[in-house]
Amino acid sequence: MSETLFLQLCRFGDCVQSTVLIASWRERHPQDRIVVLTHPSFAPAFRDNPDVDELLLYQPPREMLRSPSSDPVAKLDAARTWLEPLQRRRFLSVVNLTHDRFSCWLVVALGPELLRGLAIDASDKMVARDPWSLYLLSLLKYRDLNLLNLADVYAHLSGGPATRGAPRFVVDGECRAQASQWLGESQAGACHIGFQPGASNVERRWPVDSFVQLGRELTERHGARILVFGSRDEEPLAQSIAGQIPGARSFAGRTTIPQLAALLERCKVLVTNDTGTMHLAAAVGVRIVAMFESSAYFRETGPYGSGHWIIQSRQILDYGKRTGEELSRIRRIPVEHVSAAVNALLAEFEGAPAVDLPPEGADHYRSLWSGNHIDFLPVGRVPLGSTDLCSRLQMPVWLALLDGRDPDPAQIAGETLALLAKVYAAPAGFDVSETLQKFLVNVRQADQVLRKLRNLVDIISERLRKNPSYRVPDDQLARLTELERTVLETGSSPAVEPFVAYFETALAMVAGDNTRQYLQSYRQPVIFLAKQLKAFESILKTASASLASTP
């Protein structure tokens, strides 16, 4: 029996999300013995999971923790006695879900036959060992065009799409009994609504005053009992909110993770920032209203599962530290938007009519399990724009080519146009056919330059094949660089941007001991970009023809 090791050492929410991948791996590789290596504080995410055969806790020796060097190799040398038992396990596969330099060195040191996720190469460069990890690295360059949740990106590391429509977390009877004791039998039928006001990044926290205003409104309108959750460090934050809402209680810092899961089960809705608690609630089947502000982007890290309600700020910022003045300028989601979302979910439970949303201030989405990935669809018929049109047509290209399949242009065009017609409204002045034609021009321009680059690479490679000592002329190297730069410049159009960003990320991974090996490595992303452009061109042509033939 072969063993597969999953390495997940950071962030509890990521651990919960990774259970989607583990379930998919279990279904595709039923004979594998699945082992998870994680930090002790994250162990509850995996401990009772039936898909996990063994749980290893990351407990490095003191000499490793005390090592003054920040060099991962030095730290591994200091932890040799801790590392050697893992190396003796001879894992057939290792999946690295922790993207820091130490984890990248660790998976290489384990020496598996198959490595998925990020690693370190011989030149000390962080590299992606599979197409989906490369996609993960590149998507930060085109966040607004990415439609895939990170849990779905990870799921494809198993060899295909996700096989489960939600993360998994097992709550035991003892924790449920403790939750009942805390809440009291008299509150068994109460309308409990959970609040998670904290977040690891302060800029992603919805304001305290907003939580208080929302809590008072829900208490008065629905007789709701507000339960405020959080870590030990978030106790003052949670208590300040609970203390200003009649009947509210703070459980911040008072629960274990399994006890928190049992309390979440008792909530009709959880109102939360982008947090680990959000993912835990999704895993135990609680409906979620999630606010995504500042650098948080819902399509990447939104709650996994059907029926959740996501509110995205219209001001999406890049990652990075901000000054107090910069934080004060972040546009926050208005309270009336969150109130409308919670009221809409409560109305669904009671079979009441839908609730109208405020017209301005934020964008609303609902999550939907499509059968092999999570999608986020806008609430109401929102105006269709070029970004939505482009990303909806591009997503099937990614799903097919990164899994090694050829896209079906007719199927993709037909299904996408039907979805767009159902979900989006055609705004005045936006012509879908005209936009598709512009996309086609952009794709063909990029393909024309790429053909020149590919031809030059093939010419040089053939000469090196015939004569390994052949010295590439400086003018050809200069031309290669010029063509590469021109290809990257074509990425200004959304029709080409994500494909070129992936190409650029792949080029950064190119390596070789000599010119011939380097060009062989270089040729692979060139060929893959050509496949992407050809597939997308076929889809655009098919979609255009379909629209032209529609009365």
Protein backbone atom coordinates (compact mmCIF):
# COMPACT_ATOMS: atom_id res chain seq x y z
CA MET A 1 0.00 0.00 0.00
CA SER A 2 1.42 3.38 -1.01
CA GLU A 3 1.37 6.37 1.32
CA THR A 4 0.53 9.96 0.38
CA LEU A 5 1.55 12.81 2.66
CA PHE A 6 -0.35 16.12 2.74
CA LEU A 7 1.66 18.98 4.22
CA GLN A 8 -0.52 21.76 5.69
CA LEU A 9 1.25 23.87 8.32
CA CYS A 10 -0.45 27.27 8.28
CA ARG A 11 -3.90 28.78 8.87
CA PHE A 12 -6.77 26.78 10.28
CA GLY A 13 -9.16 27.85 7.51
CA ASP A 14 -6.77 26.48 4.87
CA CYS A 15 -6.71 23.18 6.76
CA VAL A 16 -10.52 22.95 6.67
CA GLN A 17 -10.56 23.85 2.97
CA SER A 18 -7.96 21.18 2.21
CA THR A 19 -10.41 18.46 3.28
CA VAL A 20 -12.08 18.98 -0.12
CA LEU A 21 -8.83 17.90 -1.79
CA ILE A 22 -8.30 15.01 0.62
CA ALA A 23 -11.81 13.68 -0.07
CA SER A 24 -11.18 13.93 -3.82
CA TRP A 25 -7.84 12.15 -3.44
CA ARG A 26 -9.49 9.38 -1.42
CA GLU A 27 -12.07 8.81 -4.14
CA ARG A 28 -9.51 8.78 -6.98
CA HIS A 29 -6.83 6.84 -5.12
CA PRO A 30 -8.78 4.50 -2.80
CA GLN A 31 -5.78 2.22 -2.15
CA ASP A 32 -3.56 5.06 -0.86
CA ARG A 33 -2.93 5.49 2.82
CA ILE A 34 -3.46 9.22 3.51
CA VAL A 35 -1.20 10.91 6.05
CA VAL A 36 -1.50 14.57 7.07
CA LEU A 37 1.33 16.57 8.65
CA THR A 38 0.04 19.70 10.38
CA HIS A 39 0.65 22.01 13.32
CA PRO A 40 -0.80 20.78 16.66
CA SER A 41 -3.17 23.75 16.89
CA PHE A 42 -4.72 22.77 13.53
CA ALA A 43 -5.04 19.05 14.32
CA PRO A 44 -8.83 19.23 15.02
CA ALA A 45 -9.39 20.01 11.34
CA PHE A 46 -8.27 16.46 10.49
CA ARG A 47 -8.45 14.36 13.68
CA ASP A 48 -11.81 12.62 13.16
CA ASN A 49 -11.92 12.92 9.39
CA PRO A 50 -12.68 9.45 7.94
CA ASP A 51 -10.59 10.25 4.84
CA VAL A 52 -7.41 10.65 6.93
CA ASP A 53 -5.62 7.45 7.97
CA GLU A 54 -2.88 9.04 10.08
CA LEU A 55 -2.27 12.46 11.58
CA LEU A 56 1.32 13.60 12.21
CA LEU A 57 1.88 16.69 14.34
CA TYR A 58 4.55 19.17 13.34
CA GLN A 59 6.59 19.39 16.53
CA PRO A 60 10.18 20.28 15.57
CA PRO A 61 12.92 19.88 18.17
CA ARG A 62 14.15 22.83 20.21
CA GLU A 63 17.44 23.08 18.34
CA MET A 64 15.48 23.75 15.14
CA LEU A 65 13.29 26.42 16.71
CA ARG A 66 16.33 28.05 18.32
CA SER A 67 18.35 28.05 15.11
CA PRO A 68 19.40 31.68 14.50
CA SER A 69 19.47 31.11 10.75
CA SER A 70 16.46 31.91 8.57
CA ASP A 71 17.86 29.50 5.97
CA PRO A 72 15.46 26.54 5.59
CA VAL A 73 18.38 24.19 4.88
CA ALA A 74 20.11 25.20 8.13
CA LYS A 75 16.88 24.62 10.02
CA LEU A 76 16.47 21.19 8.44
CA ASP A 77 20.04 20.30 9.39
CA ALA A 78 19.26 21.32 12.96
CA ALA A 79 16.21 19.04 12.85
CA ARG A 80 17.89 16.03 11.29
CA THR A 81 16.72 13.66 14.04
CA TRP A 82 13.15 14.88 13.52
CA LEU A 83 13.35 14.65 9.73
CA GLU A 84 14.96 11.22 9.35
CA PRO A 85 11.92 9.18 10.53
CA LEU A 86 9.80 10.99 7.93
CA GLN A 87 12.35 10.26 5.21
CA ARG A 88 12.32 6.57 6.12
CA ARG A 89 8.57 6.46 5.46
CA ARG A 90 9.32 6.66 1.70
CA PHE A 91 6.10 8.46 0.78
CA LEU A 92 5.11 7.72 -2.81
CA SER A 93 3.39 11.12 -3.14
CA VAL A 94 3.73 14.38 -1.22
CA VAL A 95 1.30 17.26 -1.68
CA ASN A 96 2.60 20.59 -0.37
CA LEU A 97 -0.24 22.93 0.60
CA THR A 98 1.99 25.30 2.61
CA HIS A 99 3.72 27.81 0.38
CA ASP A 100 6.69 29.04 2.38
CA ARG A 101 10.35 28.30 1.73
CA PHE A 102 10.71 25.92 4.66
CA SER A 103 7.85 23.68 3.49
CA CYS A 104 9.26 23.75 -0.06
CA TRP A 105 12.62 22.52 1.23
CA LEU A 106 10.97 19.96 3.47
CA VAL A 107 9.03 18.24 0.67
CA VAL A 108 12.18 18.01 -1.46
CA ALA A 109 14.09 16.53 1.50
CA LEU A 110 11.43 13.82 1.80
CA GLY A 111 12.27 12.68 -1.74
CA PRO A 112 8.88 11.40 -2.97
CA GLU A 113 8.39 9.90 -6.43
CA LEU A 114 5.50 12.31 -7.08
CA LEU A 115 5.50 15.86 -5.70
CA ARG A 116 2.58 18.23 -6.14
CA GLY A 117 2.54 21.82 -4.99
CA LEU A 118 5.52 24.13 -4.63
CA ALA A 119 9.10 23.02 -4.07
CA ILE A 120 12.68 24.33 -4.25
CA ASP A 121 14.95 23.47 -7.18
CA ALA A 122 18.73 23.02 -7.25
CA SER A 123 19.27 26.75 -7.87
CA ASP A 124 17.33 27.64 -4.70
CA LYS A 125 14.33 28.88 -6.72
CA MET A 126 10.75 28.22 -5.68
CA VAL A 127 9.06 26.21 -8.43
CA ALA A 128 5.66 24.71 -9.18
CA ARG A 129 5.77 21.00 -9.98
CA ASP A 130 2.34 20.74 -11.59
CA PRO A 131 0.05 22.89 -13.80
CA TRP A 132 -2.47 23.67 -11.07
CA SER A 133 0.14 24.94 -8.60
CA LEU A 134 1.47 27.14 -11.38
CA TYR A 135 -2.07 28.47 -11.87
CA LEU A 136 -2.20 29.25 -8.14
CA LEU A 137 1.01 31.27 -8.37
CA SER A 138 -0.12 33.20 -11.42
CA LEU A 139 -3.69 34.11 -10.49
CA LEU A 140 -2.66 37.01 -8.25
CA LYS A 141 -1.89 38.84 -11.51
CA TYR A 142 -5.50 38.53 -12.76
CA ARG A 143 -7.68 38.21 -9.66
CA ASP A 144 -10.73 39.81 -11.28
CA LEU A 145 -10.69 37.22 -14.09
CA ASN A 146 -10.29 34.16 -11.86
CA LEU A 147 -13.54 32.31 -11.10
CA LEU A 148 -12.04 29.35 -9.23
CA ASN A 149 -12.10 28.97 -5.47
CA LEU A 150 -8.72 27.96 -4.04
CA ALA A 151 -10.29 24.78 -2.66
CA ASP A 152 -11.13 23.81 -6.25
CA VAL A 153 -7.61 24.63 -7.43
CA TYR A 154 -6.24 22.33 -4.71
CA ALA A 155 -8.81 19.63 -5.49
CA HIS A 156 -7.42 19.31 -9.01
CA LEU A 157 -4.10 18.20 -7.49
CA SER A 158 -5.88 14.87 -6.99
CA GLY A 159 -6.14 14.44 -10.76
CA GLY A 160 -9.53 16.02 -11.41
CA PRO A 161 -12.23 18.28 -10.00
CA ALA A 162 -13.64 18.19 -6.49
CA THR A 163 -15.87 15.26 -5.60
CA ARG A 164 -17.44 16.85 -2.48
CA GLY A 165 -19.57 19.99 -2.37
CA ALA A 166 -18.42 21.10 1.09
CA PRO A 167 -15.47 20.72 3.47
CA ARG A 168 -15.72 18.06 6.16
CA PHE A 169 -15.55 18.43 9.94
CA VAL A 170 -16.90 15.83 12.36
CA VAL A 171 -18.59 17.12 15.54
CA ASP A 172 -18.84 14.58 18.37
CA GLY A 173 -21.68 14.08 20.84
CA GLU A 174 -19.72 15.38 23.81
CA CYS A 175 -19.18 18.76 22.15
CA ARG A 176 -22.83 18.94 21.14
CA ALA A 177 -23.84 18.26 24.73
CA GLN A 178 -21.51 21.02 25.92
CA ALA A 179 -23.06 23.45 23.42
CA SER A 180 -26.54 22.55 24.69
CA GLN A 181 -25.41 23.15 28.26
CA TRP A 182 -23.95 26.55 27.40
CA LEU A 183 -27.02 27.67 25.50
CA GLY A 184 -29.56 26.11 27.87
CA GLU A 185 -32.49 23.88 27.02
CA SER A 186 -34.81 26.90 27.02
CA GLN A 187 -32.92 28.29 24.01
CA ALA A 188 -33.04 25.08 21.97
CA GLY A 189 -35.50 26.60 19.49
CA ALA A 190 -34.10 30.12 19.57
CA CYS A 191 -32.92 31.98 16.49
CA HIS A 192 -29.19 31.93 17.14
CA ILE A 193 -27.08 34.08 14.83
CA GLY A 194 -23.30 33.89 15.04
CA PHE A 195 -20.92 36.82 14.66
CA GLN A 196 -17.22 36.40 13.84
CA PRO A 197 -15.86 39.97 14.07
CA GLY A 198 -12.16 39.16 14.07
CA ALA A 199 -9.79 38.43 11.19
CA SER A 200 -6.07 37.75 10.99
CA ASN A 201 -5.67 40.99 9.04
CA VAL A 202 -7.16 44.05 10.73
CA GLU A 203 -8.01 45.71 7.42
CA ARG A 204 -10.39 42.85 6.63
CA ARG A 205 -12.44 43.38 9.78
CA TRP A 206 -15.91 44.82 9.41
CA PRO A 207 -16.21 47.72 11.91
CA VAL A 208 -17.31 47.09 15.51
CA ASP A 209 -20.08 49.71 15.28
CA SER A 210 -21.46 47.93 12.23
CA PHE A 211 -21.66 44.58 14.05
CA VAL A 212 -23.37 46.29 17.00
CA GLN A 213 -25.94 48.03 14.78
CA LEU A 214 -26.67 44.79 12.93
CA GLY A 215 -26.96 42.80 16.17
CA ARG A 216 -29.44 45.24 17.69
CA GLU A 217 -31.56 45.19 14.54
CA LEU A 218 -31.64 41.37 14.33
CA THR A 219 -32.46 41.11 18.04
CA GLU A 220 -35.37 43.52 17.73
CA ARG A 221 -36.74 42.21 14.42
CA HIS A 222 -36.31 38.45 14.85
CA GLY A 223 -35.77 37.99 18.58
CA ALA A 224 -32.36 36.65 17.62
CA ARG A 225 -29.78 35.55 20.19
CA ILE A 226 -26.38 36.78 19.05
CA LEU A 227 -23.39 34.53 19.75
CA VAL A 228 -20.03 36.24 19.24
CA PHE A 229 -17.06 34.02 18.43
CA GLY A 230 -13.32 34.56 18.22
CA SER A 231 -9.89 33.48 19.41
CA ARG A 232 -8.40 34.24 22.80
CA ASP A 233 -6.68 37.30 21.32
CA GLU A 234 -10.05 38.52 20.08
CA GLU A 235 -11.80 38.36 23.46
CA PRO A 236 -11.81 42.16 24.03
CA LEU A 237 -13.18 42.72 20.52
CA ALA A 238 -15.94 40.12 20.95
CA GLN A 239 -16.89 41.31 24.44
CA SER A 240 -17.13 44.93 23.31
CA ILE A 241 -19.66 43.87 20.65
CA ALA A 242 -21.64 41.44 22.84
CA GLY A 243 -21.82 44.02 25.63
CA GLN A 244 -23.68 46.47 23.39
CA ILE A 245 -26.31 44.03 22.05
CA PRO A 246 -29.18 42.96 24.36
CA GLY A 247 -28.96 39.25 25.21
CA ALA A 248 -25.77 38.65 23.22
CA ARG A 249 -23.05 36.32 24.55
CA SER A 250 -19.36 36.14 23.78
CA PHE A 251 -17.67 32.76 23.46
CA ALA A 252 -14.37 34.17 22.20
CA GLY A 253 -11.42 32.37 23.77
CA ARG A 254 -13.71 30.02 25.72
CA THR A 255 -14.02 27.09 23.32
CA THR A 256 -11.93 24.44 21.68
CA ILE A 257 -12.28 24.16 17.93
CA PRO A 258 -14.65 21.16 18.17
CA GLN A 259 -16.76 23.03 20.75
CA LEU A 260 -16.86 26.05 18.45
CA ALA A 261 -18.09 23.77 15.65
CA ALA A 262 -20.88 22.49 17.92
CA LEU A 263 -21.97 26.06 18.72
CA LEU A 264 -21.88 26.98 15.03
CA GLU A 265 -24.21 24.05 14.31
CA ARG A 266 -26.81 25.75 16.51
CA CYS A 267 -26.71 28.97 14.47
CA LYS A 268 -29.14 29.65 11.64
CA VAL A 269 -26.67 32.08 10.09
CA LEU A 270 -23.06 33.11 10.70
CA VAL A 271 -22.11 36.70 9.87
CA THR A 272 -18.36 36.76 9.38
CA ASN A 273 -15.28 38.24 7.83
CA ASP A 274 -12.96 36.04 5.73
CA THR A 275 -11.81 33.75 8.58
CA GLY A 276 -11.15 30.18 9.61
CA THR A 277 -14.45 30.23 11.53
CA MET A 278 -16.20 30.91 8.22
CA HIS A 279 -14.73 27.74 6.69
CA LEU A 280 -15.54 25.72 9.82
CA ALA A 281 -19.16 26.88 9.63
CA ALA A 282 -19.33 25.80 5.99
CA ALA A 283 -17.98 22.38 6.99
CA VAL A 284 -20.77 21.84 9.55
CA GLY A 285 -23.53 23.01 7.21
CA VAL A 286 -24.28 26.51 8.52
CA ARG A 287 -25.47 29.20 6.10
CA ILE A 288 -23.01 32.08 5.96
CA VAL A 289 -23.14 35.80 5.23
CA ALA A 290 -19.51 36.67 4.52
CA MET A 291 -18.10 40.17 4.08
CA PHE A 292 -15.05 40.55 1.87
CA GLU A 293 -13.27 43.89 2.18
CA SER A 294 -9.89 45.41 1.39
CA SER A 295 -7.57 42.74 -0.09
CA ALA A 296 -9.96 39.84 0.61
CA TYR A 297 -11.51 38.51 -2.62
CA PHE A 298 -14.47 36.17 -2.38
CA ARG A 299 -13.81 34.07 -5.47
CA GLU A 300 -10.46 32.94 -4.05
CA THR A 301 -11.34 32.21 -0.43
CA GLY A 302 -15.14 32.39 -0.19
CA PRO A 303 -17.08 29.76 1.79
CA TYR A 304 -17.19 26.39 0.01
CA GLY A 305 -20.68 24.95 -0.39
CA SER A 306 -24.10 25.87 -1.74
CA GLY A 307 -26.39 28.59 -0.43
CA HIS A 308 -23.92 30.95 1.20
CA TRP A 309 -24.28 34.71 0.74
CA ILE A 310 -21.20 36.75 -0.08
CA ILE A 311 -20.92 40.53 -0.04
CA GLN A 312 -17.89 41.92 -1.83
CA SER A 313 -16.71 45.48 -1.36
CA ARG A 314 -16.31 47.35 -4.63
CA GLN A 315 -12.87 48.48 -3.47
CA ILE A 316 -10.54 45.47 -3.86
CA LEU A 317 -6.99 46.31 -2.79
CA ASP A 318 -3.68 44.59 -3.40
CA TYR A 319 -1.98 42.66 -0.61
CA GLY A 320 0.35 44.65 1.65
CA LYS A 321 0.66 46.50 4.95
CA ARG A 322 -1.18 49.80 5.30
CA THR A 323 -0.81 52.84 7.50
CA GLY A 324 -3.54 53.98 9.89
CA GLU A 325 -4.52 56.70 7.46
CA GLU A 326 -4.78 54.19 4.60
CA LEU A 327 -6.95 51.93 6.76
CA SER A 328 -9.28 54.83 7.51
CA ARG A 329 -9.87 55.33 3.78
CA ILE A 330 -11.00 51.75 3.12
CA ARG A 331 -14.62 51.77 1.98
CA ARG A 332 -16.62 49.51 4.27
CA ILE A 333 -19.71 47.50 3.35
CA PRO A 334 -22.82 49.39 4.56
CA VAL A 335 -24.82 47.78 7.38
CA GLU A 336 -28.01 47.75 5.32
CA HIS A 337 -26.38 45.38 2.82
CA VAL A 338 -25.46 42.82 5.49
CA SER A 339 -28.85 43.22 7.17
CA ALA A 340 -30.63 42.56 3.86
CA ALA A 341 -28.54 39.42 3.27
CA VAL A 342 -29.25 37.98 6.74
CA ASN A 343 -32.95 38.80 6.44
CA ALA A 344 -33.03 37.12 3.01
CA LEU A 345 -31.53 33.90 4.38
CA LEU A 346 -33.91 33.88 7.36
CA ALA A 347 -36.80 34.45 4.96
CA GLU A 348 -35.65 31.42 2.93
CA PHE A 349 -35.82 29.24 6.05
CA GLU A 350 -39.40 30.37 6.63
CA GLY A 351 -40.50 30.26 2.99
CA ALA A 352 -41.14 34.01 3.01
CA PRO A 353 -40.87 36.31 -0.04
CA ALA A 354 -37.43 37.48 -1.16
CA VAL A 355 -35.95 40.62 0.38
CA ASP A 356 -35.00 43.61 -1.76
CA LEU A 357 -31.33 44.60 -1.74
CA PRO A 358 -29.95 48.13 -1.43
CA PRO A 359 -29.10 49.47 -4.91
CA GLU A 360 -25.58 50.74 -4.23
CA GLY A 361 -22.52 50.16 -2.02
CA ALA A 362 -21.50 46.49 -2.52
CA ASP A 363 -21.95 43.44 -4.75
CA HIS A 364 -23.92 40.37 -3.64
CA TYR A 365 -23.34 36.74 -4.68
CA ARG A 366 -24.67 33.28 -3.77
CA SER A 367 -22.55 30.15 -3.80
CA LEU A 368 -23.62 27.14 -5.86
CA TRP A 369 -22.16 23.64 -6.08
CA SER A 370 -22.09 22.87 -9.82
CA GLY A 371 -21.31 19.17 -9.42
CA ASN A 372 -17.53 19.56 -9.75
CA HIS A 373 -16.71 23.06 -8.48
CA ILE A 374 -18.15 25.96 -6.50
CA ASP A 375 -19.51 28.89 -8.45
CA PHE A 376 -20.53 32.31 -7.16
CA LEU A 377 -23.45 33.84 -9.06
CA PRO A 378 -24.65 37.42 -8.67
CA VAL A 379 -27.87 38.04 -6.77
CA GLY A 380 -30.42 39.49 -9.17
CA ARG A 381 -29.89 40.17 -12.86
CA VAL A 382 -26.85 42.42 -12.78
CA PRO A 383 -25.51 44.20 -15.88
CA LEU A 384 -23.14 42.08 -17.98
CA GLY A 385 -19.67 43.53 -18.52
CA SER A 386 -16.63 42.52 -20.57
CA THR A 387 -14.85 41.06 -17.51
CA ASP A 388 -17.72 38.69 -16.67
CA LEU A 389 -18.16 37.72 -20.32
CA CYS A 390 -14.46 37.00 -20.73
CA SER A 391 -13.89 35.12 -17.46
CA ARG A 392 -16.98 32.94 -17.95
CA LEU A 393 -15.71 31.83 -21.36
CA GLN A 394 -12.14 31.36 -20.12
CA MET A 395 -12.83 29.21 -17.05
CA PRO A 396 -13.66 26.01 -19.01
CA VAL A 397 -10.40 26.45 -20.94
CA TRP A 398 -8.46 26.35 -17.66
CA LEU A 399 -10.45 23.40 -16.29
CA ALA A 400 -9.82 21.33 -19.42
CA LEU A 401 -6.23 22.16 -20.37
CA LEU A 402 -4.76 22.09 -16.85
CA ASP A 403 -6.27 18.61 -16.43
CA GLY A 404 -4.83 17.53 -19.79
CA ARG A 405 -8.12 17.50 -21.73
CA ASP A 406 -9.17 19.27 -24.91
CA PRO A 407 -11.99 21.81 -24.43
CA ASP A 408 -15.25 21.33 -26.36
CA PRO A 409 -15.91 24.77 -27.98
CA ALA A 410 -19.57 24.06 -28.86
CA GLN A 411 -20.46 22.82 -25.38
CA ILE A 412 -18.57 25.63 -23.63
CA ALA A 413 -20.04 28.38 -25.82
CA GLY A 414 -23.59 27.02 -25.52
CA GLU A 415 -23.55 26.51 -21.75
CA THR A 416 -21.83 29.85 -21.07
CA LEU A 417 -24.18 31.90 -23.24
CA ALA A 418 -27.18 30.21 -21.60
CA LEU A 419 -25.83 31.03 -18.13
CA LEU A 420 -25.10 34.64 -19.07
CA ALA A 421 -28.61 35.09 -20.48
CA LYS A 422 -30.12 33.67 -17.28
CA VAL A 423 -28.01 35.51 -14.71
CA TYR A 424 -27.01 38.79 -16.33
CA ALA A 425 -28.88 41.68 -17.94
CA ALA A 426 -27.61 43.31 -21.15
CA PRO A 427 -26.91 46.95 -20.27
CA ALA A 428 -27.49 49.74 -22.75
CA GLY A 429 -24.44 50.35 -24.90
CA PHE A 430 -22.88 46.91 -24.33
CA ASP A 431 -22.84 44.76 -27.44
CA VAL A 432 -21.88 41.13 -26.70
CA SER A 433 -21.18 40.26 -30.35
CA GLU A 434 -18.97 43.31 -30.80
CA THR A 435 -17.08 42.52 -27.59
CA LEU A 436 -16.48 38.93 -28.71
CA GLN A 437 -15.03 40.24 -31.97
CA LYS A 438 -12.67 42.52 -30.04
CA PHE A 439 -11.58 39.53 -27.95
CA LEU A 440 -10.91 37.58 -31.14
CA VAL A 441 -8.69 40.37 -32.47
CA ASN A 442 -6.73 40.44 -29.19
CA VAL A 443 -6.25 36.65 -29.17
CA ARG A 444 -5.12 36.56 -32.79
CA GLN A 445 -2.62 39.38 -32.22
CA ALA A 446 -1.09 37.51 -29.30
CA ASP A 447 -1.03 34.26 -31.29
CA GLN A 448 0.71 35.96 -34.21
CA VAL A 449 3.58 37.14 -32.00
CA LEU A 450 3.73 33.81 -30.19
CA ARG A 451 4.13 31.96 -33.51
CA LYS A 452 7.23 34.03 -34.28
CA LEU A 453 8.63 33.27 -30.83
CA ARG A 454 7.93 29.56 -31.19
CA ASN A 455 9.49 29.41 -34.67
CA LEU A 456 12.67 31.05 -33.40
CA VAL A 457 12.89 28.67 -30.43
CA ASP A 458 12.41 25.71 -32.79
CA ILE A 459 15.15 26.96 -35.16
CA ILE A 460 17.67 27.40 -32.35
CA SER A 461 16.70 24.08 -30.74
CA GLU A 462 17.16 22.21 -34.04
CA ARG A 463 20.61 23.69 -34.57
CA LEU A 464 21.59 22.71 -31.03
CA ARG A 465 20.28 19.21 -31.64
CA LYS A 466 22.48 18.82 -34.71
CA ASN A 467 25.47 20.55 -33.12
CA PRO A 468 25.51 20.57 -29.28
CA SER A 469 28.46 23.01 -29.33
CA TYR A 470 26.53 25.50 -31.48
CA ARG A 471 26.79 29.02 -30.04
CA VAL A 472 23.56 30.97 -30.36
CA PRO A 473 24.26 34.35 -32.04
CA ASP A 474 23.68 37.43 -29.95
CA ASP A 475 21.18 38.84 -32.44
CA GLN A 476 19.01 35.71 -32.11
CA LEU A 477 19.10 35.91 -28.31
CA ALA A 478 18.15 39.58 -28.53
CA ARG A 479 15.31 38.72 -30.92
CA LEU A 480 14.13 35.99 -28.52
CA THR A 481 14.03 38.50 -25.68
CA GLU A 482 12.23 41.06 -27.84
CA LEU A 483 9.55 38.59 -28.93
CA GLU A 484 9.05 37.37 -25.38
CA ARG A 485 8.54 40.96 -24.21
CA THR A 486 6.06 41.57 -27.03
CA VAL A 487 4.05 38.50 -26.06
CA LEU A 488 3.87 39.73 -22.46
CA GLU A 489 2.72 43.16 -23.66
CA THR A 490 -0.29 41.58 -25.40
CA GLY A 491 -1.62 40.71 -21.92
CA SER A 492 -3.25 44.13 -21.48
CA SER A 493 -6.53 42.77 -22.87
CA PRO A 494 -8.71 40.63 -20.56
CA ALA A 495 -9.04 38.14 -23.44
CA VAL A 496 -5.34 37.36 -23.17
CA GLU A 497 -4.27 38.64 -19.72
CA PRO A 498 -4.67 35.45 -17.61
CA PHE A 499 -3.09 33.20 -20.23
CA VAL A 500 -0.10 35.53 -20.63
CA ALA A 501 0.23 35.87 -16.83
CA TYR A 502 0.39 32.06 -16.56
CA PHE A 503 2.97 32.05 -19.36
CA GLU A 504 5.06 34.67 -17.55
CA THR A 505 4.92 32.69 -14.30
CA ALA A 506 5.93 29.53 -16.15
CA LEU A 507 8.90 31.30 -17.76
CA ALA A 508 10.18 32.18 -14.29
CA MET A 509 10.40 28.41 -13.60
CA VAL A 510 12.47 27.65 -16.72
CA ALA A 511 15.86 26.12 -15.98
CA GLY A 512 18.53 23.98 -17.64
CA ASP A 513 22.17 22.96 -17.26
CA ASN A 514 22.94 24.12 -20.80
CA THR A 515 21.37 26.15 -23.59
CA ARG A 516 19.71 23.16 -25.21
CA GLN A 517 18.10 21.96 -21.98
CA TYR A 518 17.06 25.51 -21.16
CA LEU A 519 15.32 25.92 -24.53
CA GLN A 520 13.59 22.56 -24.15
CA SER A 521 12.25 23.76 -20.82
CA TYR A 522 11.42 27.18 -22.30
CA ARG A 523 9.48 25.58 -25.15
CA GLN A 524 6.89 23.98 -22.84
CA PRO A 525 5.16 27.20 -21.66
CA VAL A 526 5.30 28.50 -25.25
CA ILE A 527 3.44 25.41 -26.48
CA PHE A 528 0.93 25.58 -23.62
CA LEU A 529 0.14 29.25 -24.31
CA ALA A 530 -0.42 28.37 -27.97
CA LYS A 531 -2.94 25.69 -26.89
CA GLN A 532 -4.73 28.17 -24.64
CA LEU A 533 -5.00 30.81 -27.35
CA LYS A 534 -6.18 28.29 -29.96
CA ALA A 535 -8.82 26.85 -27.61
CA PHE A 536 -10.10 30.27 -26.57
CA GLU A 537 -10.20 31.46 -30.19
CA SER A 538 -12.37 28.45 -31.10
CA ILE A 539 -14.74 29.19 -28.22
CA LEU A 540 -15.01 32.86 -29.17
CA LYS A 541 -15.72 31.99 -32.82
CA THR A 542 -18.36 29.44 -31.80
CA ALA A 543 -20.02 31.89 -29.39
CA SER A 544 -20.03 34.61 -32.08
CA ALA A 545 -21.58 32.27 -34.63
CA SER A 546 -24.21 31.17 -32.12
CA LEU A 547 -25.21 34.76 -31.39
CA ALA A 548 -25.30 35.59 -35.11
CA SER A 549 -27.71 32.72 -35.78
CA THR A 550 -30.02 33.61 -32.88
CA PRO A 551 -33.06 35.70 -33.93
